[in-house]
Amino acid sequence: LHAHEIPADFRFIIINRIQNYDFDFKSFNQFIMDTYSLLKGLGISDVRAYGLDTSSVLVEKVPLNVALAHDDRLKRVL
């Protein structure tokens, strides 16, 4: 498109998962999440890694939801 001087009519949406602090993680899982956040901060952004133009990119931050284990069993009623 750039070679033929045609304006782009699309956007890239990058979804960044962030930690939701409403959940109490076990100590090992919290360590993993903190290490992931640290390494993500040290690396380059996805926009730069993919070589995208920043004017056509929308970056959304979405909290990471952790499904809690529920014991929902059905009971047979006679």
N, C-alpha and C. Protein backbone atom coordinates (compact mmCIF):
# COMPACT_ATOMS: atom_id res chain seq x y z
N LEU A 1 0.81 -1.19 0.00
CA LEU A 1 0.00 0.00 0.00
C LEU A 1 0.86 1.25 0.00
N HIS A 2 1.95 1.20 0.74
CA HIS A 2 2.82 2.36 0.83
C HIS A 2 3.50 2.65 -0.51
N ALA A 3 3.83 1.62 -1.25
CA ALA A 3 4.50 1.80 -2.55
C ALA A 3 3.58 2.48 -3.56
N HIS A 4 2.28 2.24 -3.46
CA HIS A 4 1.33 2.83 -4.40
C HIS A 4 0.60 4.04 -3.81
N GLU A 5 1.05 4.50 -2.64
CA GLU A 5 0.49 5.67 -1.94
C GLU A 5 -1.01 5.54 -1.69
N ILE A 6 -1.41 4.35 -1.25
CA ILE A 6 -2.80 4.09 -0.90
C ILE A 6 -2.89 4.10 0.63
N PRO A 7 -3.77 4.94 1.19
CA PRO A 7 -3.86 4.95 2.66
C PRO A 7 -4.47 3.65 3.19
N ALA A 8 -3.96 3.22 4.30
CA ALA A 8 -4.46 1.98 4.91
C ALA A 8 -5.81 2.23 5.56
N ASP A 9 -6.70 1.27 5.49
CA ASP A 9 -8.01 1.40 6.08
C ASP A 9 -8.26 0.31 7.13
N PHE A 10 -7.22 -0.08 7.82
CA PHE A 10 -7.35 -1.10 8.85
C PHE A 10 -6.51 -0.71 10.05
N ARG A 11 -6.80 -1.32 11.21
CA ARG A 11 -6.05 -1.09 12.43
C ARG A 11 -5.64 -2.44 13.02
N PHE A 12 -4.53 -2.42 13.70
CA PHE A 12 -4.08 -3.59 14.44
C PHE A 12 -4.44 -3.38 15.89
N ILE A 13 -4.99 -4.40 16.53
CA ILE A 13 -5.32 -4.34 17.95
C ILE A 13 -4.45 -5.36 18.67
N ILE A 14 -3.65 -4.86 19.59
CA ILE A 14 -2.78 -5.72 20.38
C ILE A 14 -3.34 -5.77 21.79
N ILE A 15 -3.58 -6.97 22.28
CA ILE A 15 -4.15 -7.16 23.61
C ILE A 15 -3.04 -7.57 24.56
N ASN A 16 -2.78 -6.70 25.54
CA ASN A 16 -1.79 -6.98 26.58
C ASN A 16 -2.52 -7.49 27.81
N ARG A 17 -2.16 -8.65 28.26
CA ARG A 17 -2.74 -9.21 29.47
C ARG A 17 -1.98 -8.65 30.67
N ILE A 18 -2.70 -8.08 31.62
CA ILE A 18 -2.08 -7.56 32.83
C ILE A 18 -2.64 -8.32 34.01
N GLN A 19 -1.92 -8.26 35.10
CA GLN A 19 -2.32 -9.01 36.28
C GLN A 19 -3.47 -8.30 36.98
N ASN A 20 -4.47 -9.07 37.33
CA ASN A 20 -5.60 -8.56 38.08
C ASN A 20 -5.29 -8.75 39.56
N TYR A 21 -5.20 -7.66 40.30
CA TYR A 21 -4.79 -7.76 41.69
C TYR A 21 -5.95 -8.11 42.63
N ASP A 22 -7.11 -8.44 42.08
CA ASP A 22 -8.22 -8.88 42.91
C ASP A 22 -8.05 -10.32 43.36
N PHE A 23 -7.19 -11.07 42.69
CA PHE A 23 -6.97 -12.47 43.03
C PHE A 23 -5.76 -12.60 43.94
N ASP A 24 -5.84 -13.50 44.91
CA ASP A 24 -4.70 -13.82 45.76
C ASP A 24 -4.07 -15.09 45.22
N PHE A 25 -2.92 -14.94 44.59
CA PHE A 25 -2.23 -16.09 44.04
C PHE A 25 -1.40 -16.76 45.12
N LYS A 26 -1.14 -18.03 44.93
CA LYS A 26 -0.18 -18.71 45.79
C LYS A 26 1.19 -18.09 45.53
N SER A 27 2.12 -18.27 46.45
CA SER A 27 3.40 -17.58 46.36
C SER A 27 4.16 -17.94 45.08
N PHE A 28 4.14 -19.18 44.66
CA PHE A 28 4.85 -19.57 43.44
C PHE A 28 4.21 -18.94 42.21
N ASN A 29 2.88 -18.96 42.15
CA ASN A 29 2.18 -18.36 41.02
C ASN A 29 2.39 -16.85 40.98
N GLN A 30 2.44 -16.20 42.15
CA GLN A 30 2.70 -14.76 42.20
C GLN A 30 4.12 -14.48 41.70
N PHE A 31 5.07 -15.34 42.06
CA PHE A 31 6.44 -15.18 41.57
C PHE A 31 6.49 -15.30 40.05
N ILE A 32 5.77 -16.24 39.48
CA ILE A 32 5.72 -16.41 38.02
C ILE A 32 5.13 -15.17 37.36
N MET A 33 4.04 -14.66 37.90
CA MET A 33 3.40 -13.46 37.34
C MET A 33 4.32 -12.25 37.43
N ASP A 34 5.01 -12.08 38.55
CA ASP A 34 5.93 -10.95 38.71
C ASP A 34 7.11 -11.07 37.76
N THR A 35 7.62 -12.28 37.58
CA THR A 35 8.73 -12.50 36.66
C THR A 35 8.30 -12.24 35.22
N TYR A 36 7.12 -12.66 34.86
CA TYR A 36 6.58 -12.39 33.53
C TYR A 36 6.46 -10.89 33.28
N SER A 37 5.95 -10.15 34.27
CA SER A 37 5.81 -8.70 34.12
C SER A 37 7.17 -8.04 33.99
N LEU A 38 8.15 -8.50 34.74
CA LEU A 38 9.50 -7.94 34.66
C LEU A 38 10.12 -8.20 33.29
N LEU A 39 10.01 -9.43 32.80
CA LEU A 39 10.59 -9.75 31.50
C LEU A 39 9.87 -9.03 30.37
N LYS A 40 8.57 -8.87 30.49
CA LYS A 40 7.81 -8.13 29.47
C LYS A 40 8.24 -6.67 29.43
N GLY A 41 8.55 -6.10 30.59
CA GLY A 41 9.02 -4.72 30.65
C GLY A 41 10.41 -4.54 30.10
N LEU A 42 11.25 -5.57 30.21
CA LEU A 42 12.62 -5.49 29.70
C LEU A 42 12.70 -5.67 28.19
N GLY A 43 11.76 -6.38 27.62
CA GLY A 43 11.78 -6.66 26.18
C GLY A 43 11.21 -5.51 25.37
N ILE A 44 11.22 -5.69 24.06
CA ILE A 44 10.65 -4.67 23.20
C ILE A 44 9.15 -4.87 23.07
N SER A 45 8.45 -3.83 22.72
CA SER A 45 7.00 -3.92 22.61
C SER A 45 6.61 -4.74 21.38
N ASP A 46 5.38 -5.21 21.39
CA ASP A 46 4.88 -5.99 20.26
C ASP A 46 4.78 -5.14 19.00
N VAL A 47 4.45 -3.87 19.17
CA VAL A 47 4.34 -2.97 18.02
C VAL A 47 5.68 -2.85 17.32
N ARG A 48 6.72 -2.70 18.11
CA ARG A 48 8.07 -2.59 17.53
C ARG A 48 8.57 -3.92 16.99
N ALA A 49 8.22 -5.02 17.67
CA ALA A 49 8.67 -6.34 17.23
C ALA A 49 8.05 -6.72 15.89
N TYR A 50 6.79 -6.35 15.69
CA TYR A 50 6.13 -6.65 14.42
C TYR A 50 6.40 -5.60 13.35
N GLY A 51 7.02 -4.49 13.72
CA GLY A 51 7.33 -3.45 12.76
C GLY A 51 6.11 -2.69 12.28
N LEU A 52 5.15 -2.49 13.18
CA LEU A 52 3.90 -1.82 12.81
C LEU A 52 4.03 -0.31 12.96
N ASP A 53 3.24 0.41 12.17
CA ASP A 53 3.17 1.85 12.28
C ASP A 53 2.31 2.19 13.49
N THR A 54 2.80 3.04 14.36
CA THR A 54 2.08 3.31 15.61
C THR A 54 0.76 4.03 15.39
N SER A 55 0.57 4.64 14.24
CA SER A 55 -0.69 5.34 13.99
C SER A 55 -1.83 4.37 13.66
N SER A 56 -1.51 3.14 13.30
CA SER A 56 -2.55 2.17 12.95
C SER A 56 -2.66 1.04 13.98
N VAL A 57 -2.18 1.30 15.21
CA VAL A 57 -2.18 0.28 16.24
C VAL A 57 -2.95 0.78 17.46
N LEU A 58 -3.78 -0.08 18.01
CA LEU A 58 -4.49 0.20 19.25
C LEU A 58 -4.07 -0.87 20.25
N VAL A 59 -3.50 -0.45 21.37
CA VAL A 59 -3.04 -1.38 22.40
C VAL A 59 -4.04 -1.35 23.54
N GLU A 60 -4.62 -2.50 23.85
CA GLU A 60 -5.59 -2.62 24.93
C GLU A 60 -5.00 -3.45 26.06
N LYS A 61 -5.24 -3.02 27.27
CA LYS A 61 -4.80 -3.76 28.45
C LYS A 61 -6.01 -4.44 29.06
N VAL A 62 -5.96 -5.76 29.10
CA VAL A 62 -7.07 -6.57 29.59
C VAL A 62 -6.59 -7.35 30.80
N PRO A 63 -7.33 -7.28 31.92
CA PRO A 63 -6.90 -8.04 33.09
C PRO A 63 -6.99 -9.54 32.85
N LEU A 64 -6.01 -10.23 33.37
CA LEU A 64 -5.95 -11.68 33.26
C LEU A 64 -6.88 -12.27 34.30
N ASN A 65 -7.88 -12.99 33.87
CA ASN A 65 -8.83 -13.62 34.78
C ASN A 65 -8.42 -15.06 35.02
N VAL A 66 -8.43 -15.42 36.28
CA VAL A 66 -8.08 -16.78 36.67
C VAL A 66 -9.35 -17.47 37.11
N ALA A 67 -9.66 -18.57 36.47
CA ALA A 67 -10.86 -19.33 36.82
C ALA A 67 -10.60 -20.10 38.10
N LEU A 68 -11.43 -19.86 39.07
CA LEU A 68 -11.31 -20.59 40.33
C LEU A 68 -12.01 -21.93 40.20
N ALA A 69 -11.46 -22.94 40.85
CA ALA A 69 -12.03 -24.28 40.75
C ALA A 69 -13.33 -24.35 41.55
N HIS A 70 -14.39 -24.72 40.88
CA HIS A 70 -15.68 -24.89 41.53
C HIS A 70 -16.09 -26.35 41.39
N ASP A 71 -16.70 -26.84 42.43
CA ASP A 71 -17.18 -28.22 42.41
C ASP A 71 -18.69 -28.18 42.18
N ASP A 72 -19.06 -27.95 40.96
CA ASP A 72 -20.47 -27.88 40.60
C ASP A 72 -20.88 -29.22 40.00
N ARG A 73 -21.44 -30.05 40.84
CA ARG A 73 -21.88 -31.37 40.36
C ARG A 73 -23.39 -31.40 40.37
N LEU A 74 -23.92 -32.05 39.41
CA LEU A 74 -25.37 -32.21 39.33
C LEU A 74 -25.81 -33.38 40.20
N LYS A 75 -26.96 -33.20 40.81
CA LYS A 75 -27.52 -34.27 41.67
C LYS A 75 -28.79 -34.77 40.98
N ARG A 76 -28.93 -36.09 40.96
CA ARG A 76 -30.10 -36.69 40.35
C ARG A 76 -31.25 -36.67 41.35
N VAL A 77 -32.38 -36.18 40.89
CA VAL A 77 -33.57 -36.13 41.73
C VAL A 77 -34.56 -37.15 41.15
N LEU A 78 -35.02 -38.03 41.99
CA LEU A 78 -35.95 -39.05 41.56
C LEU A 78 -37.38 -38.66 41.74
